[in-house]
């Protein structure tokens, strides 16, 4: 089991953080890039491998600043008057969406150097420029799935962790 998990993590080594997307509180970090065709024929621009995070996370930047999962509940910064009606659930509307987009746009070579799994299924992803992505499941807030790592290339890679342990 540990070997399967390490093999999955090893697939991320050398891949750049391509983009991020979000569906309500679940944050998706896309590594590498590929195209996926849905059964309806829609072609999606996605990561070769995607990390879906449904628990607290934080991106620690080399300059000491951080981007936190809680920023999803803060309206993005806008010039002029803010949008009169704001819904945090709408992708692209939050401060975390705005800051993560800026991060991936400003750092096209944000490459994964190593990954560590710690206790309580915490993940630490270290990037070539000194950026650190921490995935921080909270045992006090159990969830069926804290995080899931999956491939969009059709090779069947999918691993995750939740309150009941690893999901392989």
N, C-alpha and C. Protein backbone atom coordinates (compact mmCIF):
# COMPACT_ATOMS: atom_id res chain seq x y z
N UNK A 1 0.83 -1.19 0.00
CA UNK A 1 0.00 0.00 0.00
C UNK A 1 0.88 1.26 0.00
N UNK A 2 1.89 1.26 0.88
CA UNK A 2 2.79 2.41 0.94
C UNK A 2 3.53 2.59 -0.38
N UNK A 3 3.89 1.45 -1.01
CA UNK A 3 4.59 1.52 -2.29
C UNK A 3 3.69 2.12 -3.37
N UNK A 4 2.41 1.71 -3.40
CA UNK A 4 1.46 2.25 -4.37
C UNK A 4 1.31 3.75 -4.19
N UNK A 5 1.21 4.19 -2.95
CA UNK A 5 1.09 5.62 -2.66
C UNK A 5 2.34 6.36 -3.10
N UNK A 6 3.52 5.82 -2.80
CA UNK A 6 4.77 6.48 -3.19
C UNK A 6 4.90 6.51 -4.71
N UNK A 7 4.48 5.46 -5.39
CA UNK A 7 4.52 5.44 -6.86
C UNK A 7 3.63 6.54 -7.43
N UNK A 8 2.47 6.74 -6.82
CA UNK A 8 1.56 7.80 -7.27
C UNK A 8 2.21 9.17 -7.06
N UNK A 9 2.80 9.37 -5.88
CA UNK A 9 3.47 10.65 -5.60
C UNK A 9 4.64 10.88 -6.55
N UNK A 10 5.38 9.82 -6.85
CA UNK A 10 6.54 9.95 -7.74
C UNK A 10 6.14 10.42 -9.12
N UNK A 11 4.91 10.14 -9.53
CA UNK A 11 4.44 10.59 -10.85
C UNK A 11 4.35 12.12 -10.92
N UNK A 12 4.23 12.78 -9.77
CA UNK A 12 4.15 14.24 -9.74
C UNK A 12 5.52 14.92 -9.88
N UNK A 13 6.58 14.21 -9.51
CA UNK A 13 7.92 14.79 -9.53
C UNK A 13 8.26 15.24 -10.95
N UNK A 14 8.67 16.49 -11.08
CA UNK A 14 9.05 17.04 -12.37
C UNK A 14 7.91 17.70 -13.14
N UNK A 15 6.68 17.55 -12.65
CA UNK A 15 5.54 18.18 -13.33
C UNK A 15 5.31 19.60 -12.79
N UNK A 16 5.00 20.54 -13.66
CA UNK A 16 4.69 21.90 -13.20
C UNK A 16 3.25 22.00 -12.72
N UNK A 17 3.02 22.91 -11.77
CA UNK A 17 1.65 23.25 -11.38
C UNK A 17 1.11 24.07 -12.55
N UNK A 18 0.23 23.46 -13.31
CA UNK A 18 -0.26 24.03 -14.57
C UNK A 18 -1.36 25.06 -14.34
N UNK A 19 -2.32 24.71 -13.49
CA UNK A 19 -3.41 25.62 -13.17
C UNK A 19 -4.14 25.11 -11.95
N UNK A 20 -5.07 25.92 -11.45
CA UNK A 20 -5.93 25.50 -10.34
C UNK A 20 -7.37 25.80 -10.73
N UNK A 21 -8.27 24.98 -10.24
CA UNK A 21 -9.70 25.20 -10.45
C UNK A 21 -10.40 24.87 -9.14
N UNK A 22 -11.67 25.17 -9.08
CA UNK A 22 -12.40 24.95 -7.84
C UNK A 22 -13.86 24.64 -8.12
N UNK A 23 -14.44 23.79 -7.27
CA UNK A 23 -15.87 23.52 -7.26
C UNK A 23 -16.30 23.65 -5.81
N UNK A 24 -16.96 24.76 -5.51
CA UNK A 24 -17.32 25.12 -4.14
C UNK A 24 -16.08 25.09 -3.27
N UNK A 25 -16.03 24.26 -2.22
CA UNK A 25 -14.87 24.28 -1.32
C UNK A 25 -13.76 23.31 -1.74
N UNK A 26 -13.98 22.52 -2.79
CA UNK A 26 -12.95 21.58 -3.24
C UNK A 26 -12.02 22.29 -4.22
N UNK A 27 -10.73 22.30 -3.88
CA UNK A 27 -9.71 22.96 -4.70
C UNK A 27 -8.98 21.90 -5.51
N UNK A 28 -8.80 22.16 -6.81
CA UNK A 28 -8.10 21.24 -7.70
C UNK A 28 -6.79 21.88 -8.13
N UNK A 29 -5.70 21.15 -7.92
CA UNK A 29 -4.38 21.57 -8.36
C UNK A 29 -4.00 20.65 -9.52
N UNK A 30 -3.80 21.24 -10.71
CA UNK A 30 -3.52 20.48 -11.93
C UNK A 30 -2.02 20.52 -12.22
N UNK A 31 -1.41 19.34 -12.39
CA UNK A 31 0.02 19.23 -12.66
C UNK A 31 0.24 18.67 -14.05
N UNK A 32 1.16 19.30 -14.81
CA UNK A 32 1.32 18.94 -16.20
C UNK A 32 0.06 19.37 -16.92
N UNK A 33 -0.07 19.02 -18.18
CA UNK A 33 -1.36 19.30 -18.83
C UNK A 33 -1.64 18.29 -19.92
N UNK A 34 -2.90 18.06 -20.10
CA UNK A 34 -3.39 17.13 -21.11
C UNK A 34 -4.81 17.55 -21.46
N UNK A 35 -5.41 16.83 -22.35
CA UNK A 35 -6.79 17.09 -22.72
C UNK A 35 -7.61 15.84 -22.45
N UNK A 36 -8.80 16.05 -21.91
CA UNK A 36 -9.69 14.96 -21.57
C UNK A 36 -11.00 15.19 -22.31
N UNK A 37 -11.50 14.16 -22.97
CA UNK A 37 -12.77 14.27 -23.69
C UNK A 37 -13.85 13.58 -22.88
N UNK A 38 -14.89 14.33 -22.55
CA UNK A 38 -16.01 13.78 -21.78
C UNK A 38 -16.84 12.86 -22.68
N UNK A 39 -17.69 12.02 -22.08
CA UNK A 39 -18.55 11.16 -22.90
C UNK A 39 -19.46 11.96 -23.86
N UNK A 40 -19.70 13.23 -23.54
CA UNK A 40 -20.53 14.08 -24.40
C UNK A 40 -19.72 14.73 -25.53
N UNK A 41 -18.38 14.48 -25.53
CA UNK A 41 -17.54 15.02 -26.59
C UNK A 41 -16.89 16.36 -26.26
N UNK A 42 -17.11 16.86 -25.07
CA UNK A 42 -16.50 18.13 -24.65
C UNK A 42 -15.03 17.89 -24.33
N UNK A 43 -14.14 18.70 -24.90
CA UNK A 43 -12.71 18.56 -24.65
C UNK A 43 -12.31 19.53 -23.55
N UNK A 44 -11.74 18.98 -22.46
CA UNK A 44 -11.34 19.79 -21.31
C UNK A 44 -9.82 19.89 -21.24
N UNK A 45 -9.32 21.09 -20.95
CA UNK A 45 -7.90 21.35 -20.73
C UNK A 45 -7.65 21.13 -19.24
N UNK A 46 -7.01 20.03 -18.87
CA UNK A 46 -6.85 19.65 -17.48
C UNK A 46 -5.40 19.28 -17.20
N UNK A 47 -5.11 19.03 -15.94
CA UNK A 47 -3.79 18.55 -15.57
C UNK A 47 -3.63 17.09 -15.94
N UNK A 48 -2.39 16.72 -16.27
CA UNK A 48 -2.09 15.31 -16.51
C UNK A 48 -2.44 14.52 -15.24
N UNK A 49 -2.05 15.11 -14.10
CA UNK A 49 -2.42 14.56 -12.80
C UNK A 49 -3.04 15.69 -11.98
N UNK A 50 -4.11 15.40 -11.28
CA UNK A 50 -4.83 16.41 -10.51
C UNK A 50 -4.89 15.98 -9.05
N UNK A 51 -4.66 16.96 -8.17
CA UNK A 51 -4.83 16.76 -6.74
C UNK A 51 -6.07 17.53 -6.33
N UNK A 52 -7.11 16.80 -5.92
CA UNK A 52 -8.36 17.41 -5.44
C UNK A 52 -8.28 17.46 -3.92
N UNK A 53 -8.47 18.65 -3.36
CA UNK A 53 -8.31 18.85 -1.91
C UNK A 53 -9.63 19.32 -1.32
N UNK A 54 -10.12 18.53 -0.34
CA UNK A 54 -11.38 18.84 0.33
C UNK A 54 -11.13 18.96 1.84
N UNK A 55 -10.09 19.72 2.18
CA UNK A 55 -9.72 19.96 3.57
C UNK A 55 -8.85 21.22 3.57
N UNK A 56 -8.46 21.71 4.73
CA UNK A 56 -7.61 22.90 4.75
C UNK A 56 -6.30 22.68 3.98
N UNK A 57 -5.86 23.71 3.29
CA UNK A 57 -4.60 23.70 2.56
C UNK A 57 -3.99 25.09 2.63
N UNK A 58 -2.72 25.17 2.33
CA UNK A 58 -2.03 26.47 2.32
C UNK A 58 -0.86 26.40 1.34
N UNK A 59 -0.66 27.48 0.60
CA UNK A 59 0.51 27.63 -0.26
C UNK A 59 1.41 28.67 0.39
N UNK A 60 2.60 28.23 0.79
CA UNK A 60 3.58 29.13 1.40
C UNK A 60 4.54 29.56 0.30
N UNK A 61 4.60 30.86 0.04
CA UNK A 61 5.44 31.39 -1.03
C UNK A 61 6.84 31.69 -0.51
N UNK A 62 7.84 31.69 -1.39
CA UNK A 62 9.22 31.95 -0.96
C UNK A 62 9.41 33.30 -0.26
N UNK A 63 8.57 34.28 -0.58
CA UNK A 63 8.72 35.61 0.04
C UNK A 63 8.05 35.70 1.41
N UNK A 64 7.51 34.58 1.91
CA UNK A 64 6.89 34.57 3.23
C UNK A 64 5.38 34.75 3.21
N UNK A 65 4.81 35.17 2.09
CA UNK A 65 3.36 35.30 1.99
C UNK A 65 2.74 33.91 1.86
N UNK A 66 1.44 33.83 2.12
CA UNK A 66 0.76 32.56 1.94
C UNK A 66 -0.63 32.77 1.36
N UNK A 67 -1.10 31.74 0.68
CA UNK A 67 -2.45 31.68 0.14
C UNK A 67 -3.12 30.55 0.90
N UNK A 68 -4.27 30.84 1.51
CA UNK A 68 -4.93 29.85 2.37
C UNK A 68 -6.30 29.46 1.83
N UNK A 69 -6.70 28.24 2.17
CA UNK A 69 -8.01 27.76 1.72
C UNK A 69 -9.14 28.66 2.22
N UNK A 70 -8.98 29.29 3.37
CA UNK A 70 -10.04 30.13 3.93
C UNK A 70 -10.31 31.38 3.09
N UNK A 71 -9.39 31.73 2.18
CA UNK A 71 -9.58 32.90 1.32
C UNK A 71 -10.67 32.66 0.28
N UNK A 72 -11.18 31.42 0.19
CA UNK A 72 -12.28 31.13 -0.72
C UNK A 72 -13.54 31.89 -0.27
N UNK A 73 -13.60 32.24 1.01
CA UNK A 73 -14.76 32.94 1.56
C UNK A 73 -14.57 34.46 1.57
N UNK A 74 -13.53 34.93 0.89
CA UNK A 74 -13.26 36.37 0.79
C UNK A 74 -13.40 36.77 -0.68
N UNK A 75 -14.09 37.87 -0.91
CA UNK A 75 -14.31 38.38 -2.26
C UNK A 75 -12.97 38.76 -2.89
N UNK A 76 -12.81 38.47 -4.19
CA UNK A 76 -11.58 38.84 -4.87
C UNK A 76 -11.47 40.37 -4.95
N UNK A 77 -10.26 40.83 -5.12
CA UNK A 77 -10.01 42.28 -5.23
C UNK A 77 -10.40 42.73 -6.63
N UNK A 78 -11.17 43.83 -6.67
CA UNK A 78 -11.62 44.37 -7.95
C UNK A 78 -11.38 45.87 -7.98
N UNK A 79 -11.07 46.39 -9.15
CA UNK A 79 -10.95 47.84 -9.31
C UNK A 79 -12.36 48.43 -9.32
N UNK A 80 -12.50 49.60 -8.74
CA UNK A 80 -13.80 50.26 -8.72
C UNK A 80 -14.74 49.65 -7.71
N UNK A 81 -16.02 49.79 -7.97
CA UNK A 81 -17.04 49.25 -7.06
C UNK A 81 -17.10 47.73 -7.18
N UNK A 82 -17.22 47.04 -6.05
CA UNK A 82 -17.32 45.58 -6.12
C UNK A 82 -18.64 45.14 -6.74
N UNK A 83 -18.63 43.93 -7.25
CA UNK A 83 -19.85 43.32 -7.80
C UNK A 83 -20.92 43.35 -6.72
N UNK A 84 -22.13 43.83 -7.04
CA UNK A 84 -23.16 43.96 -6.02
C UNK A 84 -23.58 42.64 -5.36
N UNK A 85 -23.64 41.58 -6.14
CA UNK A 85 -24.01 40.28 -5.58
C UNK A 85 -22.79 39.38 -5.70
N UNK A 86 -22.39 38.83 -4.56
CA UNK A 86 -21.20 37.98 -4.54
C UNK A 86 -21.55 36.61 -4.00
N UNK A 87 -21.09 35.57 -4.70
CA UNK A 87 -21.34 34.19 -4.27
C UNK A 87 -19.99 33.47 -4.26
N UNK A 88 -19.52 33.10 -3.08
CA UNK A 88 -18.22 32.47 -2.96
C UNK A 88 -18.15 31.16 -3.72
N UNK A 89 -19.28 30.52 -3.99
CA UNK A 89 -19.30 29.23 -4.67
C UNK A 89 -18.96 29.34 -6.15
N UNK A 90 -19.07 30.54 -6.70
CA UNK A 90 -18.80 30.74 -8.12
C UNK A 90 -17.29 30.72 -8.37
N UNK A 91 -16.80 29.76 -9.18
CA UNK A 91 -15.36 29.72 -9.47
C UNK A 91 -14.86 31.04 -10.03
N UNK A 92 -13.71 31.47 -9.54
CA UNK A 92 -13.12 32.72 -10.01
C UNK A 92 -13.52 33.93 -9.20
N UNK A 93 -14.44 33.79 -8.25
CA UNK A 93 -14.96 34.95 -7.52
C UNK A 93 -14.22 35.24 -6.22
N UNK A 94 -13.40 34.33 -5.76
CA UNK A 94 -12.79 34.49 -4.44
C UNK A 94 -11.35 34.99 -4.50
N UNK A 95 -10.87 35.44 -3.36
CA UNK A 95 -9.49 35.90 -3.24
C UNK A 95 -8.52 34.75 -3.50
N UNK A 96 -8.83 33.55 -3.02
CA UNK A 96 -7.93 32.41 -3.28
C UNK A 96 -7.88 32.09 -4.78
N UNK A 97 -9.02 32.16 -5.47
CA UNK A 97 -9.03 31.93 -6.92
C UNK A 97 -8.11 32.93 -7.62
N UNK A 98 -8.26 34.19 -7.26
CA UNK A 98 -7.49 35.26 -7.86
C UNK A 98 -5.99 35.08 -7.60
N UNK A 99 -5.63 34.78 -6.36
CA UNK A 99 -4.22 34.66 -6.00
C UNK A 99 -3.59 33.39 -6.60
N UNK A 100 -4.33 32.29 -6.64
CA UNK A 100 -3.80 31.07 -7.25
C UNK A 100 -3.61 31.23 -8.76
N UNK A 101 -4.54 31.93 -9.42
CA UNK A 101 -4.39 32.18 -10.85
C UNK A 101 -3.14 33.02 -11.11
N UNK A 102 -2.95 34.04 -10.28
CA UNK A 102 -1.75 34.88 -10.43
C UNK A 102 -0.49 34.05 -10.20
N UNK A 103 -0.51 33.17 -9.20
CA UNK A 103 0.64 32.32 -8.92
C UNK A 103 1.00 31.46 -10.12
N UNK A 104 0.02 30.77 -10.71
CA UNK A 104 0.33 29.89 -11.84
C UNK A 104 0.68 30.69 -13.10
N UNK A 105 0.08 31.85 -13.30
CA UNK A 105 0.42 32.68 -14.46
C UNK A 105 1.82 33.27 -14.35
N UNK A 106 2.21 33.67 -13.13
CA UNK A 106 3.52 34.31 -12.92
C UNK A 106 4.65 33.30 -12.81
N UNK A 107 4.35 32.03 -12.57
CA UNK A 107 5.37 31.01 -12.36
C UNK A 107 5.12 29.79 -13.24
N UNK A 108 5.36 29.91 -14.56
CA UNK A 108 5.06 28.79 -15.44
C UNK A 108 5.93 27.56 -15.18
N UNK A 109 7.04 27.74 -14.47
CA UNK A 109 7.94 26.62 -14.19
C UNK A 109 7.90 26.21 -12.72
N UNK A 110 6.74 26.30 -12.10
CA UNK A 110 6.55 25.91 -10.70
C UNK A 110 6.50 24.38 -10.67
N UNK A 111 7.67 23.75 -10.54
CA UNK A 111 7.81 22.31 -10.73
C UNK A 111 7.91 21.58 -9.38
N UNK A 112 7.20 20.46 -9.26
CA UNK A 112 7.24 19.65 -8.04
C UNK A 112 8.60 18.96 -7.94
N UNK A 113 9.27 19.16 -6.79
CA UNK A 113 10.57 18.52 -6.54
C UNK A 113 10.43 17.27 -5.67
N UNK A 114 9.56 17.36 -4.65
CA UNK A 114 9.35 16.19 -3.80
C UNK A 114 8.03 16.33 -3.05
N UNK A 115 7.56 15.16 -2.55
CA UNK A 115 6.30 15.09 -1.81
C UNK A 115 6.55 14.25 -0.57
N UNK A 116 5.99 14.71 0.53
CA UNK A 116 6.07 13.95 1.78
C UNK A 116 4.66 13.76 2.32
N UNK A 117 4.40 12.53 2.79
CA UNK A 117 3.16 12.30 3.52
C UNK A 117 3.52 12.23 5.00
N UNK A 118 2.78 12.96 5.81
CA UNK A 118 3.02 12.98 7.24
C UNK A 118 1.81 12.39 7.96
N UNK A 119 1.77 12.48 9.28
CA UNK A 119 0.67 11.88 10.03
C UNK A 119 -0.67 12.52 9.67
N UNK A 120 -1.73 11.79 9.92
CA UNK A 120 -3.10 12.22 9.62
C UNK A 120 -3.30 12.57 8.14
N UNK A 121 -2.52 11.93 7.26
CA UNK A 121 -2.63 12.09 5.81
C UNK A 121 -2.30 13.50 5.32
N UNK A 122 -1.53 14.22 6.11
CA UNK A 122 -1.01 15.52 5.68
C UNK A 122 -0.05 15.30 4.51
N UNK A 123 -0.14 16.17 3.50
CA UNK A 123 0.78 16.13 2.36
C UNK A 123 1.56 17.44 2.30
N UNK A 124 2.84 17.33 1.96
CA UNK A 124 3.70 18.50 1.76
C UNK A 124 4.29 18.37 0.36
N UNK A 125 3.97 19.32 -0.54
CA UNK A 125 4.51 19.32 -1.89
C UNK A 125 5.50 20.47 -1.99
N UNK A 126 6.75 20.14 -2.28
CA UNK A 126 7.82 21.12 -2.37
C UNK A 126 8.10 21.41 -3.84
N UNK A 127 8.18 22.70 -4.18
CA UNK A 127 8.39 23.13 -5.56
C UNK A 127 9.80 23.68 -5.75
N UNK A 128 10.23 23.71 -7.01
CA UNK A 128 11.60 24.10 -7.36
C UNK A 128 11.96 25.52 -6.95
N UNK A 129 10.99 26.41 -6.83
CA UNK A 129 11.30 27.80 -6.47
C UNK A 129 11.19 28.06 -4.96
N UNK A 130 10.97 27.02 -4.17
CA UNK A 130 10.85 27.20 -2.72
C UNK A 130 9.41 27.29 -2.23
N UNK A 131 8.44 27.27 -3.14
CA UNK A 131 7.03 27.28 -2.75
C UNK A 131 6.68 25.93 -2.11
N UNK A 132 5.78 25.96 -1.14
CA UNK A 132 5.35 24.75 -0.45
C UNK A 132 3.83 24.71 -0.41
N UNK A 133 3.24 23.61 -0.89
CA UNK A 133 1.80 23.38 -0.78
C UNK A 133 1.59 22.38 0.34
N UNK A 134 0.87 22.78 1.38
CA UNK A 134 0.55 21.90 2.51
C UNK A 134 -0.93 21.55 2.45
N UNK A 135 -1.22 20.26 2.48
CA UNK A 135 -2.59 19.75 2.54
C UNK A 135 -2.75 19.24 3.96
N UNK A 136 -3.67 19.86 4.72
CA UNK A 136 -3.72 19.69 6.16
C UNK A 136 -5.06 19.16 6.66
N UNK A 137 -5.33 17.87 6.48
CA UNK A 137 -6.60 17.31 6.98
C UNK A 137 -6.74 17.55 8.48
N UNK A 138 -7.94 17.87 8.89
CA UNK A 138 -8.22 18.14 10.30
C UNK A 138 -8.98 16.95 10.87
N UNK A 139 -8.34 16.14 11.74
CA UNK A 139 -9.03 14.99 12.32
C UNK A 139 -10.28 15.37 13.10
N UNK A 140 -10.37 16.62 13.55
CA UNK A 140 -11.55 17.09 14.28
C UNK A 140 -12.74 17.32 13.34
N UNK A 141 -12.46 17.39 12.03
CA UNK A 141 -13.50 17.57 11.02
C UNK A 141 -13.39 16.42 10.02
N UNK A 142 -13.85 15.23 10.40
CA UNK A 142 -13.69 14.07 9.51
C UNK A 142 -14.47 14.24 8.21
N UNK A 143 -13.89 13.69 7.14
CA UNK A 143 -14.53 13.72 5.82
C UNK A 143 -14.28 12.38 5.15
N UNK A 144 -15.19 11.97 4.28
CA UNK A 144 -15.00 10.73 3.54
C UNK A 144 -13.72 10.79 2.73
N UNK A 145 -13.42 11.97 2.20
CA UNK A 145 -12.21 12.13 1.40
C UNK A 145 -11.60 13.51 1.67
N UNK A 146 -10.38 13.51 2.21
CA UNK A 146 -9.65 14.75 2.44
C UNK A 146 -8.98 15.21 1.15
N UNK A 147 -8.38 14.27 0.47
CA UNK A 147 -7.72 14.57 -0.79
C UNK A 147 -7.72 13.34 -1.69
N UNK A 148 -7.60 13.60 -2.99
CA UNK A 148 -7.50 12.53 -3.97
C UNK A 148 -6.54 12.96 -5.06
N UNK A 149 -5.67 12.06 -5.44
CA UNK A 149 -4.73 12.28 -6.54
C UNK A 149 -5.16 11.36 -7.67
N UNK A 150 -5.41 11.93 -8.85
CA UNK A 150 -5.86 11.09 -9.96
C UNK A 150 -5.28 11.56 -11.28
N UNK A 151 -5.20 10.62 -12.20
CA UNK A 151 -4.66 10.88 -13.53
C UNK A 151 -5.81 11.16 -14.50
N UNK A 152 -5.56 12.06 -15.44
CA UNK A 152 -6.54 12.35 -16.49
C UNK A 152 -6.11 11.76 -17.83
N UNK A 153 -5.14 10.82 -17.79
CA UNK A 153 -4.62 10.24 -19.03
C UNK A 153 -5.21 8.87 -19.33
N UNK A 154 -6.12 8.40 -18.48
CA UNK A 154 -6.77 7.13 -18.74
C UNK A 154 -6.01 5.92 -18.22
N UNK A 155 -4.97 6.14 -17.41
CA UNK A 155 -4.19 5.01 -16.91
C UNK A 155 -4.70 4.44 -15.58
N UNK A 156 -5.79 5.01 -15.05
CA UNK A 156 -6.41 4.46 -13.86
C UNK A 156 -5.81 4.87 -12.53
N UNK A 157 -4.83 5.76 -12.53
CA UNK A 157 -4.22 6.20 -11.26
C UNK A 157 -5.25 6.96 -10.44
N UNK A 158 -5.50 6.50 -9.24
CA UNK A 158 -6.33 7.22 -8.29
C UNK A 158 -6.02 6.72 -6.88
N UNK A 159 -5.59 7.64 -6.03
CA UNK A 159 -5.35 7.36 -4.62
C UNK A 159 -5.88 8.54 -3.83
N UNK A 160 -6.25 8.29 -2.59
CA UNK A 160 -6.76 9.37 -1.76
C UNK A 160 -6.70 8.98 -0.31
N UNK A 161 -7.16 9.88 0.52
CA UNK A 161 -7.21 9.64 1.96
C UNK A 161 -8.42 10.34 2.54
N UNK A 162 -9.04 9.67 3.53
CA UNK A 162 -10.18 10.24 4.22
C UNK A 162 -10.15 9.81 5.67
N UNK A 163 -11.20 10.11 6.37
CA UNK A 163 -11.28 9.80 7.80
C UNK A 163 -11.12 8.32 8.08
N UNK A 164 -11.49 7.47 7.10
CA UNK A 164 -11.40 6.03 7.29
C UNK A 164 -10.11 5.42 6.74
N UNK A 165 -9.15 6.28 6.38
CA UNK A 165 -7.85 5.78 5.90
C UNK A 165 -7.61 6.05 4.44
N UNK A 166 -6.62 5.33 3.90
CA UNK A 166 -6.26 5.48 2.50
C UNK A 166 -7.33 4.90 1.59
N UNK A 167 -7.49 5.51 0.42
CA UNK A 167 -8.44 5.05 -0.57
C UNK A 167 -7.62 4.73 -1.82
N UNK A 168 -7.52 3.45 -2.15
CA UNK A 168 -6.72 3.04 -3.29
C UNK A 168 -7.59 2.41 -4.36
